[in-house]
Protein backbone atom coordinates (compact mmCIF):
# COMPACT_ATOMS: atom_id res chain seq x y z
CA MET A 1 -0.13 0.00 -0.09
CA THR A 2 1.28 3.37 -0.81
CA PHE A 3 1.58 6.12 1.34
CA TRP A 4 -1.55 8.40 0.04
CA ALA A 5 -3.77 5.04 -0.03
CA GLN A 6 -2.90 4.63 3.73
CA PHE A 7 -3.30 8.00 4.65
CA PHE A 8 -6.69 8.16 2.65
CA ALA A 9 -7.89 4.80 4.46
CA LEU A 10 -6.92 6.68 8.02
CA PHE A 11 -8.49 9.93 7.29
CA GLY A 12 -11.82 7.72 5.85
CA ALA A 13 -11.92 5.50 9.18
CA PHE A 14 -10.92 8.94 11.26
CA LEU A 15 -14.28 10.77 9.72
CA GLY A 16 -16.08 7.86 9.92
CA SER A 17 -15.63 7.47 13.61
CA MET A 18 -16.13 10.93 13.96
CA PHE A 19 -19.65 10.93 12.25
CA ALA A 20 -20.41 8.07 14.33
CA LEU A 21 -19.77 9.83 17.55
CA VAL A 22 -21.10 13.39 16.48
CA ARG A 23 -24.33 11.21 15.67
CA PHE A 24 -24.90 9.11 19.18
CA ALA A 25 -23.88 12.28 20.54
CA LEU A 26 -26.80 13.87 19.70
CA THR A 27 -29.25 10.95 19.89
CA ALA A 28 -28.55 10.54 23.71
CA SER A 29 -28.53 14.77 23.69
CA ARG A 30 -32.22 13.99 22.21
CA ALA A 31 -33.24 11.44 24.21
CA ASN A 32 -32.72 13.43 27.74
CA ALA A 33 -34.09 16.45 26.21
CA ASP A 34 -37.14 14.22 25.55
CA ARG A 35 -37.04 12.60 29.10
CA PHE A 36 -36.45 16.13 31.17
CA VAL A 37 -39.38 17.31 28.55
CA THR A 38 -41.61 14.18 29.99
CA PHE A 39 -40.49 15.08 33.50
CA LEU A 40 -41.89 18.61 32.90
CA GLU A 41 -45.04 17.58 31.45
CA GLY A 42 -45.54 15.37 35.01
CA ALA A 43 -44.81 17.88 36.90
CA LEU A 44 -47.03 20.20 34.98
CA ARG A 45 -49.79 17.67 35.32
CA ARG A 46 -49.21 17.78 39.28
CA GLN A 47 -48.92 21.77 39.69
CA GLU A 48 -52.42 21.72 38.01
CA ASP A 49 -54.17 19.07 40.15
CA LEU A 50 -52.53 20.43 43.29
CA ASN A 51 -54.15 24.22 42.30
CA GLY A 52 -57.79 22.40 41.92
CA GLN A 53 -57.36 21.09 45.10
CA PHE A 54 -56.12 24.13 46.67
CA GLN A 55 -59.23 25.92 44.43
CA GLY A 56 -61.31 23.27 46.46
CA ALA A 57 -60.15 24.38 49.89
CA VAL A 58 -60.45 27.88 49.21
CA GLU A 59 -63.86 28.15 47.93
CA SER A 60 -64.84 25.70 50.97
CA LEU A 61 -63.23 28.04 53.31
CA SER A 62 -64.45 30.98 51.85
CA ASP A 63 -68.09 29.21 52.44
CA ASN A 64 -67.84 28.71 55.76
CA VAL A 65 -65.83 32.20 56.98
CA ARG A 66 -69.46 33.62 54.90
CA GLU A 67 -71.20 31.18 57.10
CA ASN A 68 -69.27 31.94 60.27
CA SER A 69 -69.89 35.58 59.55
CA ALA A 70 -73.71 35.43 59.49
CA ALA A 71 -74.03 33.11 62.52
CA LEU A 72 -72.00 35.90 64.19
CA ALA A 73 -74.00 39.01 63.20
CA ARG A 74 -77.27 36.74 64.27
CA MET A 75 -75.95 36.64 67.21
CA ALA A 76 -74.72 40.20 67.87
CA GLU A 77 -78.62 41.11 66.70
CA ARG A 78 -80.12 38.56 69.63
CA LEU A 79 -77.36 40.44 71.87
CA GLY A 80 -78.43 44.30 71.48
CA LEU A 81 -74.54 44.70 70.15
């Protein structure tokens, strides 16, 4: 084999290896990005569920405060305050 044939064979192997490593790295990066997006979507769904629970609790609390205020107003009327 001549020097140039060996050189081009080595250069071709280097380019092929480089291409394979870049492709592998990009595939791994894409998989990581997909997992991260999936995690963020799950976190968003959990946060929405938690916000729904808080909304129900706040509505219940406001109803109970309204009822207690009405009861206190009636008690104040009976006591003449």
